[in-house]
Amino acid sequence: MEQNVTYAFGPFRLETRTQFLYHEGENVRLQPKVYRLLLYFLQHPGRLISREELFEGVWRGMIVEDASLRQAVNALRKALLDDSKTPSYILTVCKRGYVFSLKSRTSAQFKRRVCPTSQKPNIPIPDGNMMSHWSSCSKRLNKPPSATGA
């Protein structure tokens, strides 16, 4: 059974108890698979998620074609008022997968202290700058492995 968690990001709020997404207080309709995709992204923000991982995590082992994933991502982008050419939330990494980039908080993290905004975190934190984390991740992803394997 899923915990009762509320994710807040930008003008959006996702409540897992009701499985409702709200935009500025208004309910946004999501198909069940699009809800599960958003929830998976929110549970794994700021990191590259492969298509295969999404198939396993969202569709839970069902045989799914790439077109179904693209349709679900497009439906989620539409619900989040996100543009694939200038994304605010869902970044496409060609031939590799997706990164969900945002500043989000769960209901359990609302009272948690975070580092001052003058500091640039190297790891994602609930109210931190996810883009600086994504930038450092993308540099590591594009960097060839060293001869020592480190």
C-alpha atoms as a PDB file:
ATOM      1  CA  MET A   1       0.000   0.000   0.000  1.00  0.00           C
ATOM      2  CA  GLU A   2       1.322   3.420  -0.964  1.00  0.00           C
ATOM      3  CA  GLN A   3       2.049   5.937   1.776  1.00  0.00           C
ATOM      4  CA  ASN A   4       0.095   9.164   2.046  1.00  0.00           C
ATOM      5  CA  VAL A   5       2.647  11.598   0.590  1.00  0.00           C
ATOM      6  CA  THR A   6       2.166  14.993  -1.019  1.00  0.00           C
ATOM      7  CA  TYR A   7       4.763  16.185  -3.522  1.00  0.00           C
ATOM      8  CA  ALA A   8       4.889  19.951  -4.144  1.00  0.00           C
ATOM      9  CA  PHE A   9       6.792  21.384  -7.114  1.00  0.00           C
ATOM     10  CA  GLY A  10       6.314  24.743  -8.800  1.00  0.00           C
ATOM     11  CA  PRO A  11       2.577  25.437  -9.013  1.00  0.00           C
ATOM     12  CA  PHE A  12       1.813  21.689  -8.786  1.00  0.00           C
ATOM     13  CA  ARG A  13       0.921  19.341  -5.947  1.00  0.00           C
ATOM     14  CA  LEU A  14       0.557  15.555  -6.268  1.00  0.00           C
ATOM     15  CA  GLU A  15      -1.283  13.708  -3.507  1.00  0.00           C
ATOM     16  CA  THR A  16      -0.627   9.979  -3.427  1.00  0.00           C
ATOM     17  CA  ARG A  17      -3.589   9.227  -1.144  1.00  0.00           C
ATOM     18  CA  THR A  18      -6.093  10.488  -3.716  1.00  0.00           C
ATOM     19  CA  GLN A  19      -3.801  10.157  -6.762  1.00  0.00           C
ATOM     20  CA  PHE A  20      -4.763  13.716  -7.721  1.00  0.00           C
ATOM     21  CA  LEU A  21      -2.512  16.291  -9.346  1.00  0.00           C
ATOM     22  CA  TYR A  22      -3.350  19.923  -8.621  1.00  0.00           C
ATOM     23  CA  HIS A  23      -2.207  22.978 -10.538  1.00  0.00           C
ATOM     24  CA  GLU A  24      -2.708  26.150  -8.516  1.00  0.00           C
ATOM     25  CA  GLY A  25      -5.462  24.360  -6.583  1.00  0.00           C
ATOM     26  CA  GLU A  26      -7.299  23.029  -9.663  1.00  0.00           C
ATOM     27  CA  ASN A  27      -7.494  19.264 -10.221  1.00  0.00           C
ATOM     28  CA  VAL A  28      -5.610  18.073 -13.326  1.00  0.00           C
ATOM     29  CA  ARG A  29      -6.863  14.774 -14.721  1.00  0.00           C
ATOM     30  CA  LEU A  30      -4.221  12.098 -15.184  1.00  0.00           C
ATOM     31  CA  GLN A  31      -4.621   8.630 -16.656  1.00  0.00           C
ATOM     32  CA  PRO A  32      -3.409   5.942 -14.231  1.00  0.00           C
ATOM     33  CA  LYS A  33      -0.237   5.199 -16.230  1.00  0.00           C
ATOM     34  CA  VAL A  34       0.567   8.938 -16.453  1.00  0.00           C
ATOM     35  CA  TYR A  35       0.040   9.253 -12.687  1.00  0.00           C
ATOM     36  CA  ARG A  36       2.420   6.316 -12.105  1.00  0.00           C
ATOM     37  CA  LEU A  37       4.977   7.891 -14.466  1.00  0.00           C
ATOM     38  CA  LEU A  38       4.822  11.225 -12.604  1.00  0.00           C
ATOM     39  CA  LEU A  39       5.098   9.471  -9.253  1.00  0.00           C
ATOM     40  CA  TYR A  40       8.132   7.499 -10.456  1.00  0.00           C
ATOM     41  CA  PHE A  41       9.789  10.694 -11.692  1.00  0.00           C
ATOM     42  CA  LEU A  42       9.070  12.447  -8.383  1.00  0.00           C
ATOM     43  CA  GLN A  43      10.558   9.529  -6.452  1.00  0.00           C
ATOM     44  CA  HIS A  44      13.746   9.683  -8.605  1.00  0.00           C
ATOM     45  CA  PRO A  45      14.347  13.388  -9.362  1.00  0.00           C
ATOM     46  CA  GLY A  46      17.487  14.719 -10.977  1.00  0.00           C
ATOM     47  CA  ARG A  47      18.887  11.486 -12.338  1.00  0.00           C
ATOM     48  CA  LEU A  48      18.908   9.819 -15.718  1.00  0.00           C
ATOM     49  CA  ILE A  49      16.168   7.177 -15.903  1.00  0.00           C
ATOM     50  CA  SER A  50      16.396   4.753 -18.810  1.00  0.00           C
ATOM     51  CA  ARG A  51      13.396   3.610 -20.831  1.00  0.00           C
ATOM     52  CA  GLU A  52      13.951   0.082 -19.489  1.00  0.00           C
ATOM     53  CA  GLU A  53      13.836   1.335 -15.889  1.00  0.00           C
ATOM     54  CA  LEU A  54      10.599   3.205 -16.618  1.00  0.00           C
ATOM     55  CA  PHE A  55       9.079   0.099 -18.228  1.00  0.00           C
ATOM     56  CA  GLU A  56       9.908  -1.919 -15.103  1.00  0.00           C
ATOM     57  CA  GLY A  57       9.058   0.786 -12.554  1.00  0.00           C
ATOM     58  CA  VAL A  58       5.878   2.159 -14.143  1.00  0.00           C
ATOM     59  CA  TRP A  59       4.480  -0.728 -16.188  1.00  0.00           C
ATOM     60  CA  ARG A  60       5.822  -3.347 -13.744  1.00  0.00           C
ATOM     61  CA  GLY A  61       7.016  -5.963 -16.194  1.00  0.00           C
ATOM     62  CA  MET A  62       4.202  -5.650 -18.746  1.00  0.00           C
ATOM     63  CA  ILE A  63       5.394  -5.764 -22.338  1.00  0.00           C
ATOM     64  CA  VAL A  64       5.196  -2.189 -23.578  1.00  0.00           C
ATOM     65  CA  GLU A  65       6.366  -0.539 -26.792  1.00  0.00           C
ATOM     66  CA  ASP A  66       8.457   2.623 -26.902  1.00  0.00           C
ATOM     67  CA  ALA A  67       5.468   4.427 -28.435  1.00  0.00           C
ATOM     68  CA  SER A  68       3.446   3.860 -25.239  1.00  0.00           C
ATOM     69  CA  LEU A  69       6.184   5.440 -23.163  1.00  0.00           C
ATOM     70  CA  ARG A  70       6.435   8.407 -25.542  1.00  0.00           C
ATOM     71  CA  GLN A  71       2.650   8.877 -25.382  1.00  0.00           C
ATOM     72  CA  ALA A  72       2.693   8.787 -21.572  1.00  0.00           C
ATOM     73  CA  VAL A  73       5.600  11.270 -21.420  1.00  0.00           C
ATOM     74  CA  ASN A  74       3.803  13.580 -23.872  1.00  0.00           C
ATOM     75  CA  ALA A  75       0.574  13.365 -21.836  1.00  0.00           C
ATOM     76  CA  LEU A  76       2.542  14.171 -18.670  1.00  0.00           C
ATOM     77  CA  ARG A  77       4.273  17.112 -20.367  1.00  0.00           C
ATOM     78  CA  LYS A  78       0.866  18.424 -21.409  1.00  0.00           C
ATOM     79  CA  ALA A  79      -0.504  18.067 -17.858  1.00  0.00           C
ATOM     80  CA  LEU A  80       2.551  19.884 -16.455  1.00  0.00           C
ATOM     81  CA  LEU A  81       2.389  22.598 -19.144  1.00  0.00           C
ATOM     82  CA  ASP A  82       5.920  21.539 -20.103  1.00  0.00           C
ATOM     83  CA  ASP A  83       7.506  22.013 -23.527  1.00  0.00           C
ATOM     84  CA  SER A  84       9.856  19.352 -24.905  1.00  0.00           C
ATOM     85  CA  LYS A  85      11.943  22.000 -26.700  1.00  0.00           C
ATOM     86  CA  THR A  86      12.411  24.176 -23.578  1.00  0.00           C
ATOM     87  CA  PRO A  87      11.576  21.782 -20.724  1.00  0.00           C
ATOM     88  CA  SER A  88      11.028  22.849 -17.149  1.00  0.00           C
ATOM     89  CA  TYR A  89      10.446  19.350 -15.796  1.00  0.00           C
ATOM     90  CA  ILE A  90      11.043  16.462 -18.207  1.00  0.00           C
ATOM     91  CA  LEU A  91      14.398  16.518 -19.976  1.00  0.00           C
ATOM     92  CA  THR A  92      14.908  14.021 -22.795  1.00  0.00           C
ATOM     93  CA  VAL A  93      18.391  12.550 -23.077  1.00  0.00           C
ATOM     94  CA  CYS A  94      18.586  11.247 -26.644  1.00  0.00           C
ATOM     95  CA  LYS A  95      18.803   7.443 -26.865  1.00  0.00           C
ATOM     96  CA  ARG A  96      19.318   7.220 -23.076  1.00  0.00           C
ATOM     97  CA  GLY A  97      16.105   8.169 -21.253  1.00  0.00           C
ATOM     98  CA  TYR A  98      14.697  11.050 -19.224  1.00  0.00           C
ATOM     99  CA  VAL A  99      15.616  13.269 -16.301  1.00  0.00           C
ATOM    100  CA  PHE A 100      12.928  14.810 -14.105  1.00  0.00           C
ATOM    101  CA  SER A 101      14.390  18.115 -13.025  1.00  0.00           C
ATOM    102  CA  LEU A 102      12.729  20.263 -10.414  1.00  0.00           C
ATOM    103  CA  LYS A 103      12.684  21.644  -6.948  1.00  0.00           C
ATOM    104  CA  SER A 104      10.264  19.400  -5.090  1.00  0.00           C
ATOM    105  CA  ARG A 105       9.294  18.736  -1.519  1.00  0.00           C
ATOM    106  CA  THR A 106       7.381  15.895   0.013  1.00  0.00           C
ATOM    107  CA  SER A 107       4.991  16.513   2.886  1.00  0.00           C
ATOM    108  CA  ALA A 108       7.545  14.931   5.247  1.00  0.00           C
ATOM    109  CA  GLN A 109      10.203  17.442   4.126  1.00  0.00           C
ATOM    110  CA  PHE A 110       8.275  20.715   4.528  1.00  0.00           C
ATOM    111  CA  LYS A 111       9.795  21.429   7.956  1.00  0.00           C
ATOM    112  CA  ARG A 112      13.291  20.210   7.085  1.00  0.00           C
ATOM    113  CA  ARG A 113      16.099  22.785   7.026  1.00  0.00           C
ATOM    114  CA  VAL A 114      17.970  23.173   3.760  1.00  0.00           C
ATOM    115  CA  CYS A 115      21.266  24.801   2.882  1.00  0.00           C
ATOM    116  CA  PRO A 116      21.232  28.534   2.042  1.00  0.00           C
ATOM    117  CA  THR A 117      20.618  29.385  -1.606  1.00  0.00           C
ATOM    118  CA  SER A 118      24.022  31.086  -1.774  1.00  0.00           C
ATOM    119  CA  GLN A 119      25.602  27.620  -1.591  1.00  0.00           C
ATOM    120  CA  LYS A 120      25.533  25.471  -4.698  1.00  0.00           C
ATOM    121  CA  PRO A 121      24.793  21.898  -3.608  1.00  0.00           C
ATOM    122  CA  ASN A 122      26.544  19.009  -5.305  1.00  0.00           C
ATOM    123  CA  ILE A 123      23.709  16.649  -4.461  1.00  0.00           C
ATOM    124  CA  PRO A 124      19.961  17.076  -4.898  1.00  0.00           C
ATOM    125  CA  ILE A 125      18.164  18.362  -1.826  1.00  0.00           C
ATOM    126  CA  PRO A 126      14.433  18.997  -1.477  1.00  0.00           C
ATOM    127  CA  ASP A 127      14.617  22.759  -2.026  1.00  0.00           C
ATOM    128  CA  GLY A 128      18.035  22.809  -3.724  1.00  0.00           C
ATOM    129  CA  ASN A 129      19.057  23.642  -7.245  1.00  0.00           C
ATOM    130  CA  MET A 130      18.491  20.473  -9.255  1.00  0.00           C
ATOM    131  CA  MET A 131      19.946  22.012 -12.414  1.00  0.00           C
ATOM    132  CA  SER A 132      23.409  22.337 -10.827  1.00  0.00           C
ATOM    133  CA  HIS A 133      23.159  18.656  -9.893  1.00  0.00           C
ATOM    134  CA  TRP A 134      22.004  17.765 -13.437  1.00  0.00           C
ATOM    135  CA  SER A 135      24.882  19.767 -14.901  1.00  0.00           C
ATOM    136  CA  SER A 136      27.430  17.867 -12.816  1.00  0.00           C
ATOM    137  CA  CYS A 137      25.734  14.549 -13.678  1.00  0.00           C
ATOM    138  CA  SER A 138      25.724  15.264 -17.399  1.00  0.00           C
ATOM    139  CA  LYS A 139      29.432  16.122 -17.275  1.00  0.00           C
ATOM    140  CA  ARG A 140      30.107  12.773 -15.592  1.00  0.00           C
ATOM    141  CA  LEU A 141      27.893  10.919 -18.103  1.00  0.00           C
ATOM    142  CA  ASN A 142      29.724  12.451 -21.059  1.00  0.00           C
ATOM    143  CA  LYS A 143      33.167  11.924 -19.550  1.00  0.00           C
ATOM    144  CA  PRO A 144      34.981   8.795 -20.781  1.00  0.00           C
ATOM    145  CA  PRO A 145      35.971   6.359 -18.005  1.00  0.00           C
ATOM    146  CA  SER A 146      39.542   6.640 -16.777  1.00  0.00           C
ATOM    147  CA  ALA A 147      42.099   3.877 -17.315  1.00  0.00           C
ATOM    148  CA  THR A 148      41.929   3.022 -13.605  1.00  0.00           C
ATOM    149  CA  GLY A 149      38.165   2.474 -13.784  1.00  0.00           C
ATOM    150  CA  ALA A 150      37.462   5.210 -11.242  1.00  0.00           C
END
